[in-house]
Amino acid sequence: SVLCDRDDLEIRFPGALSIERARDENEQTLVTAFLGITDAFEVQWKPDLRVHGILAAASIAGAAGGLFAQWREIYPNVEGVVGGEGPFPIFAYSDMVVIDPESLLFRAGVVLVTALGTVYAWRLFGRLGRKGAEALALVLIASSGFLFMVSSGHFMMLFLGLEVGSISLYVLAGISNEHRESDEAAMKYFLLG
C-alpha cells in the first residue's frame, strides 16, 4: 500500500492484478495493489485542469498574436486598410499556404470560435476529470487543422487540414463515458465522415 496526500499524483503498480483506491479519515488517498508480481510502484504527476487551461489560453493568445503580426505584415500602415493596398497575397511553404486578407479573416474566425468554445466547454472539461486535458488538447489540434485548411493554397494542404481537424473531432465526439450515445455518435461520425 502507498499513502498519498496529493490529488494531482497518479500512482501505478505495473505488475499488479488489481488496484484499489480509497480515502482515509485525513483526506489522503490510499492505493493498494493486490497480488502484485513486484512491490515497485510508479508515481506520475497529473497537473490540475487550471494548468492546462493556462497553457490553452497561452496557445490561443499566441495564435491571435501571430494573426495580428501577419495582418501588420500585409497592411504596414492604417491607411493601407482603407485603401486596400498591401503586398498580398504572400505565399509560404512552396505555395501551399496563402496569407491574404481573406485567409486572415477566416483564421481569426477559427481562433475566435476556439476561444469561445473552450470557455463555454470548460465545465465539461472539468467533468471529464483526467480526460479533460486530452479533450482540451484535441480542441487545439482540431483548430490548428482548420487554421491550415482556411489558409491553404493547394488542394493537398486543404485535405491535410481537413483530416487533422476532423480526426480530432472524431475522438472528441466519443470522449465522454457518461452517455452511451457519445460512443454511438463517434462511430457514426467515423463511418459516415
N, C-alpha and C. Protein backbone atom coordinates (compact mmCIF):
# COMPACT_ATOMS: atom_id res chain seq x y z
N SER A 1 0.83 -1.19 0.00
CA SER A 1 0.00 0.00 0.00
C SER A 1 0.87 1.24 0.00
N VAL A 2 0.36 2.28 -0.63
CA VAL A 2 1.04 3.57 -0.69
C VAL A 2 0.04 4.62 -0.25
N LEU A 3 0.48 5.53 0.62
CA LEU A 3 -0.36 6.62 1.10
C LEU A 3 0.08 7.90 0.42
N CYS A 4 -0.87 8.62 -0.16
CA CYS A 4 -0.57 9.85 -0.90
C CYS A 4 -1.48 10.95 -0.41
N ASP A 5 -0.92 12.14 -0.16
CA ASP A 5 -1.72 13.25 0.32
C ASP A 5 -1.98 14.30 -0.75
N ARG A 6 -1.64 14.00 -2.01
CA ARG A 6 -1.88 14.94 -3.10
C ARG A 6 -2.79 14.30 -4.13
N ASP A 7 -3.74 15.11 -4.65
CA ASP A 7 -4.68 14.60 -5.66
C ASP A 7 -4.12 14.64 -7.06
N ASP A 8 -3.04 15.39 -7.27
CA ASP A 8 -2.51 15.53 -8.62
C ASP A 8 -1.43 14.50 -8.95
N LEU A 9 -1.25 13.50 -8.11
CA LEU A 9 -0.31 12.42 -8.38
C LEU A 9 -1.08 11.16 -8.71
N GLU A 10 -0.63 10.45 -9.72
CA GLU A 10 -1.24 9.18 -10.07
C GLU A 10 -0.23 8.08 -9.75
N ILE A 11 -0.65 7.11 -8.95
CA ILE A 11 0.24 6.04 -8.51
C ILE A 11 -0.14 4.76 -9.23
N ARG A 12 0.85 4.10 -9.82
CA ARG A 12 0.60 2.86 -10.55
C ARG A 12 1.50 1.75 -10.03
N PHE A 13 0.96 0.56 -10.03
CA PHE A 13 1.73 -0.65 -9.73
C PHE A 13 1.79 -1.46 -11.01
N PRO A 14 2.92 -1.49 -11.72
CA PRO A 14 2.99 -2.13 -13.04
C PRO A 14 2.64 -3.62 -13.04
N GLY A 15 2.97 -4.37 -12.00
CA GLY A 15 2.73 -5.80 -12.02
C GLY A 15 1.50 -6.25 -11.27
N ALA A 16 0.65 -5.32 -10.85
CA ALA A 16 -0.50 -5.68 -10.03
C ALA A 16 -1.65 -6.22 -10.86
N LEU A 17 -2.39 -7.17 -10.29
CA LEU A 17 -3.57 -7.70 -10.95
C LEU A 17 -4.79 -6.83 -10.72
N SER A 18 -4.89 -6.22 -9.53
CA SER A 18 -5.99 -5.30 -9.27
C SER A 18 -5.50 -4.23 -8.31
N ILE A 19 -6.08 -3.03 -8.45
CA ILE A 19 -5.68 -1.89 -7.64
C ILE A 19 -6.93 -1.26 -7.05
N GLU A 20 -6.87 -0.91 -5.77
CA GLU A 20 -7.97 -0.20 -5.11
C GLU A 20 -7.48 1.14 -4.63
N ARG A 21 -8.33 2.13 -4.79
CA ARG A 21 -8.03 3.47 -4.29
C ARG A 21 -9.12 3.84 -3.29
N ALA A 22 -8.72 4.40 -2.17
CA ALA A 22 -9.68 4.78 -1.13
C ALA A 22 -9.17 6.02 -0.42
N ARG A 23 -10.08 6.73 0.25
CA ARG A 23 -9.74 7.91 1.05
C ARG A 23 -9.78 7.53 2.53
N ASP A 24 -8.81 8.01 3.29
CA ASP A 24 -8.85 7.75 4.73
C ASP A 24 -9.45 8.95 5.45
N GLU A 25 -9.42 8.92 6.76
CA GLU A 25 -10.07 9.98 7.55
C GLU A 25 -9.34 11.31 7.45
N ASN A 26 -8.08 11.33 7.02
CA ASN A 26 -7.32 12.56 6.87
C ASN A 26 -7.35 13.09 5.44
N GLU A 27 -8.28 12.60 4.63
CA GLU A 27 -8.41 13.00 3.23
C GLU A 27 -7.17 12.67 2.41
N GLN A 28 -6.47 11.62 2.77
CA GLN A 28 -5.34 11.14 2.00
C GLN A 28 -5.79 9.94 1.17
N THR A 29 -5.18 9.78 0.01
CA THR A 29 -5.52 8.68 -0.87
C THR A 29 -4.65 7.47 -0.53
N LEU A 30 -5.28 6.33 -0.33
CA LEU A 30 -4.58 5.09 -0.05
C LEU A 30 -4.72 4.19 -1.27
N VAL A 31 -3.61 3.83 -1.88
CA VAL A 31 -3.61 2.99 -3.08
C VAL A 31 -3.04 1.64 -2.68
N THR A 32 -3.83 0.58 -2.90
CA THR A 32 -3.41 -0.77 -2.52
C THR A 32 -3.44 -1.65 -3.75
N ALA A 33 -2.36 -2.41 -3.97
CA ALA A 33 -2.28 -3.35 -5.08
C ALA A 33 -2.36 -4.76 -4.53
N PHE A 34 -3.15 -5.61 -5.20
CA PHE A 34 -3.33 -6.99 -4.78
C PHE A 34 -2.63 -7.94 -5.75
N LEU A 35 -1.96 -8.92 -5.22
CA LEU A 35 -1.30 -9.98 -5.98
C LEU A 35 -0.32 -9.43 -7.00
N GLY A 36 0.45 -8.46 -6.57
CA GLY A 36 1.44 -7.87 -7.46
C GLY A 36 2.66 -8.77 -7.59
N ILE A 37 3.24 -8.75 -8.76
CA ILE A 37 4.43 -9.54 -9.01
C ILE A 37 5.62 -8.89 -8.31
N THR A 38 5.65 -7.57 -8.31
CA THR A 38 6.74 -6.84 -7.67
C THR A 38 6.15 -5.78 -6.76
N ASP A 39 6.94 -5.28 -5.83
CA ASP A 39 6.44 -4.25 -4.94
C ASP A 39 6.82 -2.85 -5.41
N ALA A 40 7.36 -2.73 -6.63
CA ALA A 40 7.71 -1.44 -7.19
C ALA A 40 6.44 -0.70 -7.62
N PHE A 41 6.48 0.62 -7.52
CA PHE A 41 5.36 1.42 -7.98
C PHE A 41 5.89 2.67 -8.67
N GLU A 42 5.03 3.28 -9.50
CA GLU A 42 5.37 4.48 -10.24
C GLU A 42 4.48 5.60 -9.76
N VAL A 43 5.04 6.80 -9.67
CA VAL A 43 4.27 7.99 -9.32
C VAL A 43 4.39 8.95 -10.49
N GLN A 44 3.25 9.39 -10.99
CA GLN A 44 3.24 10.32 -12.12
C GLN A 44 2.42 11.54 -11.74
N TRP A 45 2.98 12.73 -12.01
CA TRP A 45 2.28 13.96 -11.69
C TRP A 45 1.28 14.30 -12.77
N LYS A 46 0.04 14.49 -12.39
CA LYS A 46 -1.01 14.93 -13.30
C LYS A 46 -1.43 16.33 -12.88
N PRO A 47 -1.06 17.36 -13.64
CA PRO A 47 -1.39 18.72 -13.22
C PRO A 47 -2.89 18.97 -13.22
N ASP A 48 -3.28 19.95 -12.44
CA ASP A 48 -4.67 20.35 -12.34
C ASP A 48 -5.14 20.90 -13.69
N LEU A 49 -6.45 20.90 -13.89
CA LEU A 49 -7.02 21.38 -15.15
C LEU A 49 -6.72 22.86 -15.36
N ARG A 50 -6.52 23.60 -14.29
CA ARG A 50 -6.19 25.03 -14.44
C ARG A 50 -4.87 25.22 -15.16
N VAL A 51 -3.91 24.33 -14.92
CA VAL A 51 -2.61 24.43 -15.61
C VAL A 51 -2.81 24.23 -17.11
N HIS A 52 -3.64 23.26 -17.46
CA HIS A 52 -3.93 23.04 -18.88
C HIS A 52 -4.70 24.22 -19.47
N GLY A 53 -5.57 24.82 -18.68
CA GLY A 53 -6.30 26.00 -19.15
C GLY A 53 -5.38 27.17 -19.42
N ILE A 54 -4.39 27.35 -18.56
CA ILE A 54 -3.43 28.44 -18.77
C ILE A 54 -2.62 28.18 -20.04
N LEU A 55 -2.21 26.93 -20.26
CA LEU A 55 -1.47 26.60 -21.48
C LEU A 55 -2.34 26.78 -22.73
N ALA A 56 -3.61 26.39 -22.63
CA ALA A 56 -4.51 26.57 -23.78
C ALA A 56 -4.74 28.05 -24.06
N ALA A 57 -4.94 28.84 -23.01
CA ALA A 57 -5.13 30.28 -23.20
C ALA A 57 -3.88 30.92 -23.81
N ALA A 58 -2.71 30.47 -23.38
CA ALA A 58 -1.47 30.99 -23.97
C ALA A 58 -1.35 30.59 -25.43
N SER A 59 -1.77 29.38 -25.77
CA SER A 59 -1.73 28.93 -27.17
C SER A 59 -2.68 29.74 -28.04
N ILE A 60 -3.89 29.97 -27.54
CA ILE A 60 -4.86 30.75 -28.31
C ILE A 60 -4.40 32.19 -28.44
N ALA A 61 -3.84 32.76 -27.36
CA ALA A 61 -3.32 34.12 -27.42
C ALA A 61 -2.13 34.20 -28.39
N GLY A 62 -1.29 33.17 -28.42
CA GLY A 62 -0.19 33.14 -29.37
C GLY A 62 -0.67 33.09 -30.81
N ALA A 63 -1.73 32.32 -31.05
CA ALA A 63 -2.30 32.27 -32.41
C ALA A 63 -2.88 33.62 -32.79
N ALA A 64 -3.55 34.28 -31.85
CA ALA A 64 -4.10 35.61 -32.13
C ALA A 64 -2.98 36.62 -32.36
N GLY A 65 -1.90 36.52 -31.58
CA GLY A 65 -0.75 37.41 -31.78
C GLY A 65 -0.09 37.18 -33.14
N GLY A 66 0.01 35.92 -33.55
CA GLY A 66 0.56 35.62 -34.86
C GLY A 66 -0.30 36.17 -35.98
N LEU A 67 -1.62 36.10 -35.81
CA LEU A 67 -2.53 36.68 -36.80
C LEU A 67 -2.36 38.19 -36.88
N PHE A 68 -2.22 38.81 -35.71
CA PHE A 68 -2.02 40.27 -35.71
C PHE A 68 -0.71 40.64 -36.40
N ALA A 69 0.35 39.87 -36.14
CA ALA A 69 1.64 40.15 -36.79
C ALA A 69 1.54 39.97 -38.30
N GLN A 70 0.81 38.96 -38.75
CA GLN A 70 0.65 38.77 -40.19
C GLN A 70 -0.22 39.88 -40.79
N TRP A 71 -1.21 40.33 -40.04
CA TRP A 71 -2.05 41.43 -40.52
C TRP A 71 -1.20 42.69 -40.67
N ARG A 72 -0.28 42.93 -39.72
CA ARG A 72 0.59 44.10 -39.82
C ARG A 72 1.58 43.94 -40.98
N GLU A 73 1.92 42.70 -41.33
CA GLU A 73 2.80 42.47 -42.48
C GLU A 73 2.08 42.80 -43.78
N ILE A 74 0.82 42.44 -43.85
CA ILE A 74 0.05 42.71 -45.07
C ILE A 74 -0.30 44.19 -45.18
N TYR A 75 -0.71 44.77 -44.06
CA TYR A 75 -1.09 46.19 -44.02
C TYR A 75 -0.11 46.94 -43.12
N PRO A 76 1.00 47.44 -43.67
CA PRO A 76 2.01 48.06 -42.81
C PRO A 76 1.53 49.36 -42.16
N ASN A 77 0.56 50.03 -42.74
CA ASN A 77 0.05 51.25 -42.12
C ASN A 77 -1.47 51.22 -42.12
N VAL A 78 -2.06 52.04 -41.32
CA VAL A 78 -3.52 52.04 -41.18
C VAL A 78 -4.19 52.51 -42.46
N GLU A 79 -3.55 53.41 -43.21
CA GLU A 79 -4.15 53.88 -44.45
C GLU A 79 -4.29 52.75 -45.47
N GLY A 80 -3.41 51.75 -45.38
CA GLY A 80 -3.47 50.62 -46.30
C GLY A 80 -4.73 49.81 -46.13
N VAL A 81 -5.29 49.79 -44.92
CA VAL A 81 -6.52 49.05 -44.69
C VAL A 81 -7.67 49.69 -45.42
N VAL A 82 -7.74 51.01 -45.36
CA VAL A 82 -8.84 51.72 -46.02
C VAL A 82 -8.66 51.68 -47.53
N GLY A 83 -7.46 51.88 -47.99
CA GLY A 83 -7.22 51.93 -49.42
C GLY A 83 -7.12 50.57 -50.08
N GLY A 84 -6.97 49.51 -49.30
CA GLY A 84 -6.87 48.17 -49.86
C GLY A 84 -5.51 47.88 -50.48
N GLU A 85 -4.48 48.64 -50.10
CA GLU A 85 -3.16 48.41 -50.65
C GLU A 85 -2.36 47.53 -49.71
N GLY A 86 -1.47 46.75 -50.26
CA GLY A 86 -0.63 45.91 -49.43
C GLY A 86 0.03 44.84 -50.28
N PRO A 87 1.09 44.23 -49.76
CA PRO A 87 1.83 43.22 -50.53
C PRO A 87 1.20 41.84 -50.44
N PHE A 88 -0.06 41.72 -50.75
CA PHE A 88 -0.69 40.41 -50.65
C PHE A 88 -1.01 39.90 -52.02
N PRO A 89 -1.19 38.62 -52.24
CA PRO A 89 -1.05 37.56 -51.25
C PRO A 89 0.41 37.17 -51.05
N ILE A 90 0.70 36.65 -49.86
CA ILE A 90 2.02 36.14 -49.53
C ILE A 90 1.93 34.62 -49.54
N PHE A 91 2.82 33.97 -50.24
CA PHE A 91 2.83 32.51 -50.32
C PHE A 91 3.96 31.96 -49.45
N ALA A 92 3.70 30.83 -48.82
CA ALA A 92 4.72 30.20 -47.97
C ALA A 92 4.68 28.70 -48.19
N TYR A 93 5.73 28.03 -47.78
CA TYR A 93 5.83 26.57 -47.85
C TYR A 93 5.55 26.05 -49.26
N SER A 94 6.33 26.53 -50.21
CA SER A 94 6.21 26.13 -51.62
C SER A 94 4.80 26.37 -52.16
N ASP A 95 4.27 27.52 -51.84
CA ASP A 95 2.93 27.96 -52.28
C ASP A 95 1.80 27.09 -51.74
N MET A 96 2.05 26.38 -50.64
CA MET A 96 0.99 25.55 -50.05
C MET A 96 0.10 26.37 -49.12
N VAL A 97 0.64 27.43 -48.52
CA VAL A 97 -0.10 28.28 -47.59
C VAL A 97 -0.14 29.69 -48.17
N VAL A 98 -1.33 30.28 -48.15
CA VAL A 98 -1.53 31.63 -48.67
C VAL A 98 -1.91 32.53 -47.50
N ILE A 99 -1.23 33.66 -47.41
CA ILE A 99 -1.58 34.66 -46.40
C ILE A 99 -2.11 35.87 -47.16
N ASP A 100 -3.40 36.05 -47.08
CA ASP A 100 -4.07 37.17 -47.71
C ASP A 100 -5.19 37.65 -46.78
N PRO A 101 -5.85 38.75 -47.08
CA PRO A 101 -6.88 39.25 -46.16
C PRO A 101 -8.00 38.26 -45.88
N GLU A 102 -8.40 37.49 -46.89
CA GLU A 102 -9.50 36.53 -46.67
C GLU A 102 -9.08 35.41 -45.73
N SER A 103 -7.86 34.88 -45.92
CA SER A 103 -7.41 33.81 -45.03
C SER A 103 -7.22 34.32 -43.62
N LEU A 104 -6.74 35.55 -43.47
CA LEU A 104 -6.61 36.11 -42.13
C LEU A 104 -7.97 36.28 -41.47
N LEU A 105 -8.95 36.69 -42.23
CA LEU A 105 -10.30 36.84 -41.67
C LEU A 105 -10.85 35.50 -41.20
N PHE A 106 -10.73 34.48 -42.02
CA PHE A 106 -11.26 33.17 -41.64
C PHE A 106 -10.43 32.54 -40.51
N ARG A 107 -9.12 32.78 -40.52
CA ARG A 107 -8.31 32.27 -39.42
C ARG A 107 -8.65 32.97 -38.11
N ALA A 108 -8.93 34.26 -38.17
CA ALA A 108 -9.37 34.97 -36.97
C ALA A 108 -10.70 34.40 -36.48
N GLY A 109 -11.57 34.01 -37.41
CA GLY A 109 -12.83 33.38 -37.02
C GLY A 109 -12.61 32.04 -36.33
N VAL A 110 -11.67 31.25 -36.85
CA VAL A 110 -11.37 29.95 -36.23
C VAL A 110 -10.80 30.14 -34.83
N VAL A 111 -9.89 31.10 -34.67
CA VAL A 111 -9.31 31.37 -33.34
C VAL A 111 -10.39 31.87 -32.38
N LEU A 112 -11.27 32.73 -32.85
CA LEU A 112 -12.35 33.24 -32.00
C LEU A 112 -13.30 32.12 -31.58
N VAL A 113 -13.69 31.27 -32.52
CA VAL A 113 -14.58 30.15 -32.19
C VAL A 113 -13.89 29.18 -31.22
N THR A 114 -12.59 28.95 -31.40
CA THR A 114 -11.85 28.09 -30.49
C THR A 114 -11.83 28.68 -29.08
N ALA A 115 -11.57 29.96 -28.98
CA ALA A 115 -11.53 30.61 -27.66
C ALA A 115 -12.90 30.57 -26.99
N LEU A 116 -13.94 30.94 -27.73
CA LEU A 116 -15.29 30.93 -27.14
C LEU A 116 -15.76 29.52 -26.81
N GLY A 117 -15.45 28.56 -27.68
CA GLY A 117 -15.83 27.18 -27.42
C GLY A 117 -15.12 26.59 -26.22
N THR A 118 -13.85 26.96 -26.04
CA THR A 118 -13.10 26.47 -24.88
C THR A 118 -13.67 27.05 -23.59
N VAL A 119 -14.00 28.33 -23.60
CA VAL A 119 -14.61 28.94 -22.41
C VAL A 119 -15.96 28.31 -22.13
N TYR A 120 -16.76 28.11 -23.17
CA TYR A 120 -18.10 27.55 -23.00
C TYR A 120 -18.04 26.10 -22.50
N ALA A 121 -17.07 25.33 -22.95
CA ALA A 121 -16.98 23.90 -22.60
C ALA A 121 -16.12 23.64 -21.38
N TRP A 122 -15.73 24.67 -20.64
CA TRP A 122 -14.82 24.48 -19.53
C TRP A 122 -15.39 23.55 -18.45
N ARG A 123 -16.68 23.66 -18.18
CA ARG A 123 -17.30 22.76 -17.18
C ARG A 123 -17.25 21.31 -17.65
N LEU A 124 -17.43 21.10 -18.95
CA LEU A 124 -17.33 19.74 -19.48
C LEU A 124 -15.92 19.19 -19.29
N PHE A 125 -14.91 20.02 -19.52
CA PHE A 125 -13.54 19.57 -19.30
C PHE A 125 -13.33 19.18 -17.85
N GLY A 126 -13.93 19.93 -16.94
CA GLY A 126 -13.83 19.60 -15.52
C GLY A 126 -14.55 18.31 -15.18
N ARG A 127 -15.71 18.07 -15.79
CA ARG A 127 -16.47 16.83 -15.54
C ARG A 127 -15.77 15.61 -16.11
N LEU A 128 -14.99 15.80 -17.15
CA LEU A 128 -14.29 14.67 -17.75
C LEU A 128 -13.14 14.18 -16.88
N GLY A 129 -12.77 14.95 -15.89
CA GLY A 129 -11.71 14.53 -14.97
C GLY A 129 -10.36 14.44 -15.67
N ARG A 130 -9.76 13.26 -15.62
CA ARG A 130 -8.44 13.06 -16.22
C ARG A 130 -8.47 13.21 -17.75
N LYS A 131 -9.63 13.00 -18.35
CA LYS A 131 -9.73 13.14 -19.80
C LYS A 131 -9.92 14.59 -20.24
N GLY A 132 -10.08 15.50 -19.28
CA GLY A 132 -10.27 16.91 -19.62
C GLY A 132 -9.09 17.50 -20.36
N ALA A 133 -7.88 17.12 -19.93
CA ALA A 133 -6.68 17.62 -20.61
C ALA A 133 -6.60 17.10 -22.04
N GLU A 134 -6.97 15.83 -22.22
CA GLU A 134 -6.95 15.27 -23.58
C GLU A 134 -7.98 15.96 -24.46
N ALA A 135 -9.16 16.24 -23.90
CA ALA A 135 -10.20 16.92 -24.68
C ALA A 135 -9.74 18.32 -25.07
N LEU A 136 -9.10 19.01 -24.15
CA LEU A 136 -8.60 20.35 -24.44
C LEU A 136 -7.52 20.31 -25.52
N ALA A 137 -6.63 19.34 -25.45
CA ALA A 137 -5.59 19.20 -26.48
C ALA A 137 -6.22 18.87 -27.83
N LEU A 138 -7.25 18.03 -27.84
CA LEU A 138 -7.91 17.70 -29.11
C LEU A 138 -8.60 18.90 -29.72
N VAL A 139 -9.16 19.78 -28.90
CA VAL A 139 -9.77 21.00 -29.42
C VAL A 139 -8.71 21.87 -30.08
N LEU A 140 -7.56 22.00 -29.44
CA LEU A 140 -6.49 22.81 -30.02
C LEU A 140 -5.91 22.19 -31.29
N ILE A 141 -5.81 20.86 -31.33
CA ILE A 141 -5.32 20.19 -32.54
C ILE A 141 -6.32 20.36 -33.68
N ALA A 142 -7.61 20.22 -33.36
CA ALA A 142 -8.63 20.42 -34.40
C ALA A 142 -8.59 21.84 -34.94
N SER A 143 -8.44 22.82 -34.06
CA SER A 143 -8.40 24.20 -34.54
C SER A 143 -7.15 24.47 -35.37
N SER A 144 -6.03 23.84 -35.03
CA SER A 144 -4.83 24.03 -35.86
C SER A 144 -5.03 23.42 -37.25
N GLY A 145 -5.71 22.29 -37.32
CA GLY A 145 -6.02 21.71 -38.62
C GLY A 145 -6.91 22.62 -39.45
N PHE A 146 -7.91 23.21 -38.80
CA PHE A 146 -8.80 24.11 -39.54
C PHE A 146 -8.11 25.42 -39.91
N LEU A 147 -7.11 25.84 -39.11
CA LEU A 147 -6.33 27.02 -39.48
C LEU A 147 -5.53 26.76 -40.75
N PHE A 148 -4.96 25.56 -40.86
CA PHE A 148 -4.26 25.21 -42.11
C PHE A 148 -5.25 25.10 -43.27
N MET A 149 -6.44 24.62 -42.98
CA MET A 149 -7.40 24.43 -44.05
C MET A 149 -7.84 25.76 -44.65
N VAL A 150 -8.11 26.76 -43.82
CA VAL A 150 -8.62 28.02 -44.36
C VAL A 150 -7.54 28.86 -45.02
N SER A 151 -6.27 28.55 -44.77
CA SER A 151 -5.21 29.32 -45.42
C SER A 151 -4.46 28.48 -46.46
N SER A 152 -5.09 27.43 -46.92
CA SER A 152 -4.40 26.55 -47.88
C SER A 152 -4.39 27.18 -49.27
N GLY A 153 -3.29 26.97 -49.95
CA GLY A 153 -3.16 27.43 -51.32
C GLY A 153 -3.09 26.28 -52.30
N HIS A 154 -3.22 25.08 -51.79
CA HIS A 154 -3.10 23.88 -52.59
C HIS A 154 -4.12 22.87 -52.08
N PHE A 155 -4.63 22.05 -52.96
CA PHE A 155 -5.66 21.09 -52.56
C PHE A 155 -5.14 20.10 -51.53
N MET A 156 -3.86 19.73 -51.62
CA MET A 156 -3.30 18.78 -50.66
C MET A 156 -3.28 19.37 -49.25
N MET A 157 -2.95 20.65 -49.12
CA MET A 157 -2.96 21.30 -47.81
C MET A 157 -4.38 21.43 -47.28
N LEU A 158 -5.33 21.67 -48.16
CA LEU A 158 -6.74 21.70 -47.76
C LEU A 158 -7.16 20.35 -47.21
N PHE A 159 -6.77 19.28 -47.87
CA PHE A 159 -7.11 17.93 -47.44
C PHE A 159 -6.44 17.59 -46.11
N LEU A 160 -5.15 17.93 -45.95
CA LEU A 160 -4.45 17.65 -44.70
C LEU A 160 -5.06 18.41 -43.52
N GLY A 161 -5.39 19.68 -43.74
CA GLY A 161 -6.03 20.45 -42.69
C GLY A 161 -7.38 19.89 -42.30
N LEU A 162 -8.15 19.47 -43.29
CA LEU A 162 -9.46 18.86 -43.02
C LEU A 162 -9.31 17.56 -42.26
N GLU A 163 -8.34 16.75 -42.61
CA GLU A 163 -8.13 15.48 -41.92
C GLU A 163 -7.67 15.67 -40.48
N VAL A 164 -6.74 16.58 -40.25
CA VAL A 164 -6.26 16.83 -38.88
C VAL A 164 -7.41 17.33 -38.02
N GLY A 165 -8.21 18.24 -38.56
CA GLY A 165 -9.34 18.76 -37.79
C GLY A 165 -10.42 17.73 -37.55
N SER A 166 -10.75 16.95 -38.57
CA SER A 166 -11.88 16.02 -38.42
C SER A 166 -11.51 14.80 -37.58
N ILE A 167 -10.28 14.31 -37.66
CA ILE A 167 -9.90 13.16 -36.83
C ILE A 167 -9.93 13.54 -35.36
N SER A 168 -9.51 14.75 -35.04
CA SER A 168 -9.61 15.21 -33.65
C SER A 168 -11.07 15.28 -33.20
N LEU A 169 -11.93 15.71 -34.10
CA LEU A 169 -13.36 15.79 -33.74
C LEU A 169 -13.99 14.40 -33.62
N TYR A 170 -13.48 13.41 -34.36
CA TYR A 170 -13.96 12.03 -34.19
C TYR A 170 -13.75 11.58 -32.75
N VAL A 171 -12.54 11.83 -32.26
CA VAL A 171 -12.21 11.40 -30.90
C VAL A 171 -13.00 12.22 -29.88
N LEU A 172 -13.15 13.51 -30.12
CA LEU A 172 -13.92 14.35 -29.20
C LEU A 172 -15.38 13.93 -29.11
N ALA A 173 -15.92 13.44 -30.20
CA ALA A 173 -17.33 13.03 -30.17
C ALA A 173 -17.56 11.85 -29.24
N GLY A 174 -16.56 11.02 -29.02
CA GLY A 174 -16.74 9.85 -28.18
C GLY A 174 -15.94 9.87 -26.90
N ILE A 175 -15.47 11.04 -26.46
CA ILE A 175 -14.59 11.07 -25.30
C ILE A 175 -15.35 10.92 -23.98
N SER A 176 -16.62 11.24 -23.96
CA SER A 176 -17.39 11.16 -22.72
C SER A 176 -17.89 9.74 -22.49
N ASN A 177 -17.61 9.21 -21.31
CA ASN A 177 -18.12 7.89 -20.94
C ASN A 177 -19.43 7.97 -20.18
N GLU A 178 -19.93 9.18 -19.94
CA GLU A 178 -21.16 9.35 -19.18
C GLU A 178 -22.37 8.86 -19.97
N HIS A 179 -22.37 9.06 -21.25
CA HIS A 179 -23.52 8.74 -22.08
C HIS A 179 -23.14 7.69 -23.13
N ARG A 180 -24.01 6.75 -23.29
CA ARG A 180 -23.79 5.72 -24.30
C ARG A 180 -23.90 6.30 -25.71
N GLU A 181 -24.65 7.37 -25.84
CA GLU A 181 -24.84 7.99 -27.14
C GLU A 181 -23.54 8.58 -27.69
N SER A 182 -22.59 8.94 -26.80
CA SER A 182 -21.35 9.52 -27.31
C SER A 182 -20.53 8.48 -28.08
N ASP A 183 -20.54 7.22 -27.62
CA ASP A 183 -19.86 6.17 -28.37
C ASP A 183 -20.53 5.94 -29.72
N GLU A 184 -21.86 5.96 -29.70
CA GLU A 184 -22.61 5.77 -30.95
C GLU A 184 -22.35 6.92 -31.90
N ALA A 185 -22.31 8.15 -31.38
CA ALA A 185 -22.04 9.31 -32.24
C ALA A 185 -20.64 9.25 -32.83
N ALA A 186 -19.68 8.82 -32.03
CA ALA A 186 -18.31 8.72 -32.54
C ALA A 186 -18.21 7.69 -33.65
N MET A 187 -18.86 6.56 -33.49
CA MET A 187 -18.83 5.52 -34.53
C MET A 187 -19.53 6.00 -35.81
N LYS A 188 -20.69 6.64 -35.65
CA LYS A 188 -21.39 7.16 -36.84
C LYS A 188 -20.57 8.24 -37.54
N TYR A 189 -19.97 9.11 -36.76
CA TYR A 189 -19.16 10.17 -37.32
C TYR A 189 -17.96 9.59 -38.07
N PHE A 190 -17.35 8.56 -37.50
CA PHE A 190 -16.20 7.94 -38.14
C PHE A 190 -16.60 7.20 -39.41
N LEU A 191 -17.69 6.44 -39.36
CA LEU A 191 -18.09 5.65 -40.52
C LEU A 191 -18.66 6.49 -41.65
N LEU A 192 -19.41 7.54 -41.31
CA LEU A 192 -20.01 8.36 -42.34
C LEU A 192 -19.12 9.52 -42.77
N GLY A 193 -18.13 9.87 -41.94
CA GLY A 193 -17.26 11.00 -42.25
C GLY A 193 -16.12 10.55 -43.08
